[in-house]
Amino acid sequence: MADWEFTTEGFRDPEEVRRRHVNGLGGARLAGALRAHLDAWGLPCGEVYPEDFGWAFEATGPEGLHLCAVALEPGAGGVLTGHALTDKRRTVLDRLLGRRREAPDEAVPLAIEAFLRGHPEIRDLA
């Protein structure tokens, strides 16, 4: 799994979108922008949908299927705290045997990090 934390003042979802999320989390607009970026990198993506931990979609890279998710939470001074993650889909047997682990040089994590590092509204990426 690869994950990132950052701050942003952009990508604010309308209140009606946040109300659709079971935990009231923002991130639908950010997930849509990230999805479009991955598609442009030649990494086909599924539709964005609300998940308990944020807004998620699946992306297919050469190494297999990845779950991608983002969440935005209100922070101090109107700044949003953001979280993004990707995790390669593996079978239970793969997990038990330690096979098919996600590597940091795989296409989907690299594309997500490139988007986060290159976007002018993303700051304090860690």
C-alpha atoms as a PDB file:
ATOM      1  CA  MET A   1       0.000   0.000   0.000  1.00  0.00           C
ATOM      2  CA  ALA A   2       1.123   3.545  -0.746  1.00  0.00           C
ATOM      3  CA  ASP A   3      -0.381   6.520   1.046  1.00  0.00           C
ATOM      4  CA  TRP A   4       0.058  10.282   1.159  1.00  0.00           C
ATOM      5  CA  GLU A   5      -1.072  13.127   3.402  1.00  0.00           C
ATOM      6  CA  PHE A   6      -1.302  16.758   2.284  1.00  0.00           C
ATOM      7  CA  THR A   7      -3.157  20.043   2.702  1.00  0.00           C
ATOM      8  CA  THR A   8      -5.260  21.905   0.157  1.00  0.00           C
ATOM      9  CA  GLU A   9      -7.703  24.764  -0.140  1.00  0.00           C
ATOM     10  CA  GLY A  10      -9.041  23.394  -3.415  1.00  0.00           C
ATOM     11  CA  PHE A  11     -11.235  20.476  -4.432  1.00  0.00           C
ATOM     12  CA  ARG A  12     -14.062  21.458  -2.083  1.00  0.00           C
ATOM     13  CA  ASP A  13     -17.158  19.374  -2.670  1.00  0.00           C
ATOM     14  CA  PRO A  14     -20.607  20.953  -2.601  1.00  0.00           C
ATOM     15  CA  GLU A  15     -22.474  20.249   0.644  1.00  0.00           C
ATOM     16  CA  GLU A  16     -24.967  17.939  -1.111  1.00  0.00           C
ATOM     17  CA  VAL A  17     -22.082  15.724  -2.287  1.00  0.00           C
ATOM     18  CA  ARG A  18     -20.618  15.512   1.231  1.00  0.00           C
ATOM     19  CA  ARG A  19     -24.071  14.602   2.568  1.00  0.00           C
ATOM     20  CA  ARG A  20     -24.103  11.573   0.236  1.00  0.00           C
ATOM     21  CA  HIS A  21     -21.037  10.207   2.047  1.00  0.00           C
ATOM     22  CA  VAL A  22     -21.821   8.022   5.073  1.00  0.00           C
ATOM     23  CA  ASN A  23     -19.185   9.839   7.177  1.00  0.00           C
ATOM     24  CA  GLY A  24     -19.596  13.280   5.604  1.00  0.00           C
ATOM     25  CA  LEU A  25     -16.118  13.199   4.037  1.00  0.00           C
ATOM     26  CA  GLY A  26     -15.135  15.344   1.102  1.00  0.00           C
ATOM     27  CA  GLY A  27     -12.937  14.224  -1.754  1.00  0.00           C
ATOM     28  CA  ALA A  28     -15.297  13.399  -4.633  1.00  0.00           C
ATOM     29  CA  ARG A  29     -13.931  16.246  -6.807  1.00  0.00           C
ATOM     30  CA  LEU A  30     -10.348  15.298  -5.970  1.00  0.00           C
ATOM     31  CA  ALA A  31     -11.049  11.630  -6.757  1.00  0.00           C
ATOM     32  CA  GLY A  32     -12.524  12.675 -10.103  1.00  0.00           C
ATOM     33  CA  ALA A  33      -9.475  14.790 -10.961  1.00  0.00           C
ATOM     34  CA  LEU A  34      -7.121  11.988  -9.919  1.00  0.00           C
ATOM     35  CA  ARG A  35      -9.134   9.482 -11.950  1.00  0.00           C
ATOM     36  CA  ALA A  36      -8.873  11.716 -15.048  1.00  0.00           C
ATOM     37  CA  HIS A  37      -5.105  12.022 -14.494  1.00  0.00           C
ATOM     38  CA  LEU A  38      -4.680   8.242 -14.275  1.00  0.00           C
ATOM     39  CA  ASP A  39      -6.791   7.764 -17.411  1.00  0.00           C
ATOM     40  CA  ALA A  40      -4.500  10.249 -19.205  1.00  0.00           C
ATOM     41  CA  TRP A  41      -1.511   8.125 -18.122  1.00  0.00           C
ATOM     42  CA  GLY A  42      -3.146   5.150 -19.873  1.00  0.00           C
ATOM     43  CA  LEU A  43      -4.338   3.575 -16.624  1.00  0.00           C
ATOM     44  CA  PRO A  44      -8.070   2.806 -17.070  1.00  0.00           C
ATOM     45  CA  CYS A  45     -10.259   3.642 -14.085  1.00  0.00           C
ATOM     46  CA  GLY A  46     -13.706   2.749 -12.830  1.00  0.00           C
ATOM     47  CA  GLU A  47     -16.313   5.167 -11.533  1.00  0.00           C
ATOM     48  CA  VAL A  48     -15.814   7.118  -8.298  1.00  0.00           C
ATOM     49  CA  TYR A  49     -18.004   5.913  -5.424  1.00  0.00           C
ATOM     50  CA  PRO A  50     -18.334   6.716  -1.698  1.00  0.00           C
ATOM     51  CA  GLU A  51     -16.639   4.296   0.684  1.00  0.00           C
ATOM     52  CA  ASP A  52     -16.467   4.386   4.508  1.00  0.00           C
ATOM     53  CA  PHE A  53     -12.935   5.812   4.410  1.00  0.00           C
ATOM     54  CA  GLY A  54     -13.369   8.314   1.556  1.00  0.00           C
ATOM     55  CA  TRP A  55     -14.111   8.414  -2.161  1.00  0.00           C
ATOM     56  CA  ALA A  56     -12.767   5.434  -4.080  1.00  0.00           C
ATOM     57  CA  PHE A  57     -12.288   4.025  -7.565  1.00  0.00           C
ATOM     58  CA  GLU A  58     -10.346   1.180  -9.131  1.00  0.00           C
ATOM     59  CA  ALA A  59      -7.450   1.684 -11.545  1.00  0.00           C
ATOM     60  CA  THR A  60      -5.888  -0.962 -13.752  1.00  0.00           C
ATOM     61  CA  GLY A  61      -2.134  -0.844 -14.222  1.00  0.00           C
ATOM     62  CA  PRO A  62       0.253  -3.277 -15.897  1.00  0.00           C
ATOM     63  CA  GLU A  63       0.765  -4.906 -12.485  1.00  0.00           C
ATOM     64  CA  GLY A  64      -2.958  -5.466 -11.882  1.00  0.00           C
ATOM     65  CA  LEU A  65      -5.975  -3.850 -10.283  1.00  0.00           C
ATOM     66  CA  HIS A  66      -5.534  -1.165  -7.589  1.00  0.00           C
ATOM     67  CA  LEU A  67      -8.017   0.360  -5.169  1.00  0.00           C
ATOM     68  CA  CYS A  68      -7.487   4.131  -5.016  1.00  0.00           C
ATOM     69  CA  ALA A  69      -9.110   6.388  -2.431  1.00  0.00           C
ATOM     70  CA  VAL A  70      -9.006   9.983  -1.225  1.00  0.00           C
ATOM     71  CA  ALA A  71     -10.578  11.847   1.683  1.00  0.00           C
ATOM     72  CA  LEU A  72     -10.638  15.531   2.629  1.00  0.00           C
ATOM     73  CA  GLU A  73     -11.376  16.682   6.164  1.00  0.00           C
ATOM     74  CA  PRO A  74     -11.752  20.248   7.462  1.00  0.00           C
ATOM     75  CA  GLY A  75      -8.661  21.593   9.174  1.00  0.00           C
ATOM     76  CA  ALA A  76      -7.612  24.831  10.844  1.00  0.00           C
ATOM     77  CA  GLY A  77      -8.248  28.112   9.062  1.00  0.00           C
ATOM     78  CA  GLY A  78     -10.348  26.600   6.287  1.00  0.00           C
ATOM     79  CA  VAL A  79      -7.500  24.448   5.010  1.00  0.00           C
ATOM     80  CA  LEU A  80      -8.430  20.856   4.212  1.00  0.00           C
ATOM     81  CA  THR A  81      -6.335  17.906   5.332  1.00  0.00           C
ATOM     82  CA  GLY A  82      -6.174  15.330   2.569  1.00  0.00           C
ATOM     83  CA  HIS A  83      -5.347  11.659   2.481  1.00  0.00           C
ATOM     84  CA  ALA A  84      -4.781   9.525  -0.615  1.00  0.00           C
ATOM     85  CA  LEU A  85      -3.960   5.840  -0.875  1.00  0.00           C
ATOM     86  CA  THR A  86      -3.662   3.007  -3.314  1.00  0.00           C
ATOM     87  CA  ASP A  87      -3.568  -0.692  -2.575  1.00  0.00           C
ATOM     88  CA  LYS A  88      -3.072  -3.473  -5.085  1.00  0.00           C
ATOM     89  CA  ARG A  89      -5.890  -6.029  -5.127  1.00  0.00           C
ATOM     90  CA  ARG A  90      -4.547  -9.410  -4.063  1.00  0.00           C
ATOM     91  CA  THR A  91      -6.187 -12.699  -3.230  1.00  0.00           C
ATOM     92  CA  VAL A  92      -6.232 -13.949   0.352  1.00  0.00           C
ATOM     93  CA  LEU A  93      -3.704 -16.630  -0.647  1.00  0.00           C
ATOM     94  CA  ASP A  94      -1.414 -13.960  -2.175  1.00  0.00           C
ATOM     95  CA  ARG A  95      -1.569 -12.012   1.080  1.00  0.00           C
ATOM     96  CA  LEU A  96      -0.900 -15.062   3.248  1.00  0.00           C
ATOM     97  CA  LEU A  97       2.046 -16.123   1.103  1.00  0.00           C
ATOM     98  CA  GLY A  98       3.390 -12.577   0.703  1.00  0.00           C
ATOM     99  CA  ARG A  99       3.019 -12.682  -3.094  1.00  0.00           C
ATOM    100  CA  ARG A 100       2.241  -9.863  -5.546  1.00  0.00           C
ATOM    101  CA  ARG A 101       3.048  -7.058  -3.122  1.00  0.00           C
ATOM    102  CA  GLU A 102       2.765  -3.511  -4.329  1.00  0.00           C
ATOM    103  CA  ALA A 103       6.102  -1.963  -5.247  1.00  0.00           C
ATOM    104  CA  PRO A 104       6.746   1.803  -5.103  1.00  0.00           C
ATOM    105  CA  ASP A 105       7.761   1.839  -8.790  1.00  0.00           C
ATOM    106  CA  GLU A 106       4.436   0.498 -10.067  1.00  0.00           C
ATOM    107  CA  ALA A 107       2.516   2.660 -12.526  1.00  0.00           C
ATOM    108  CA  VAL A 108      -0.552   3.490 -10.398  1.00  0.00           C
ATOM    109  CA  PRO A 109       1.327   4.750  -7.283  1.00  0.00           C
ATOM    110  CA  LEU A 110       3.773   6.661  -9.512  1.00  0.00           C
ATOM    111  CA  ALA A 111       0.929   8.375 -11.379  1.00  0.00           C
ATOM    112  CA  ILE A 112      -0.843   9.324  -8.131  1.00  0.00           C
ATOM    113  CA  GLU A 113       2.329  10.786  -6.655  1.00  0.00           C
ATOM    114  CA  ALA A 114       3.034  12.713  -9.881  1.00  0.00           C
ATOM    115  CA  PHE A 115      -0.463  14.223  -9.723  1.00  0.00           C
ATOM    116  CA  LEU A 116      -0.139  15.182  -6.047  1.00  0.00           C
ATOM    117  CA  ARG A 117       3.386  16.619  -6.439  1.00  0.00           C
ATOM    118  CA  GLY A 118       2.544  18.511  -9.613  1.00  0.00           C
ATOM    119  CA  HIS A 119      -0.824  20.005  -8.735  1.00  0.00           C
ATOM    120  CA  PRO A 120      -0.619  23.669  -7.650  1.00  0.00           C
ATOM    121  CA  GLU A 121      -3.436  23.293  -5.070  1.00  0.00           C
ATOM    122  CA  ILE A 122      -1.722  20.412  -3.200  1.00  0.00           C
ATOM    123  CA  ARG A 123       0.740  21.447  -0.483  1.00  0.00           C
ATOM    124  CA  ASP A 124       2.744  19.886   2.330  1.00  0.00           C
ATOM    125  CA  LEU A 125       2.813  16.455   0.691  1.00  0.00           C
ATOM    126  CA  ALA A 126       4.119  13.743   3.002  1.00  0.00           C
END
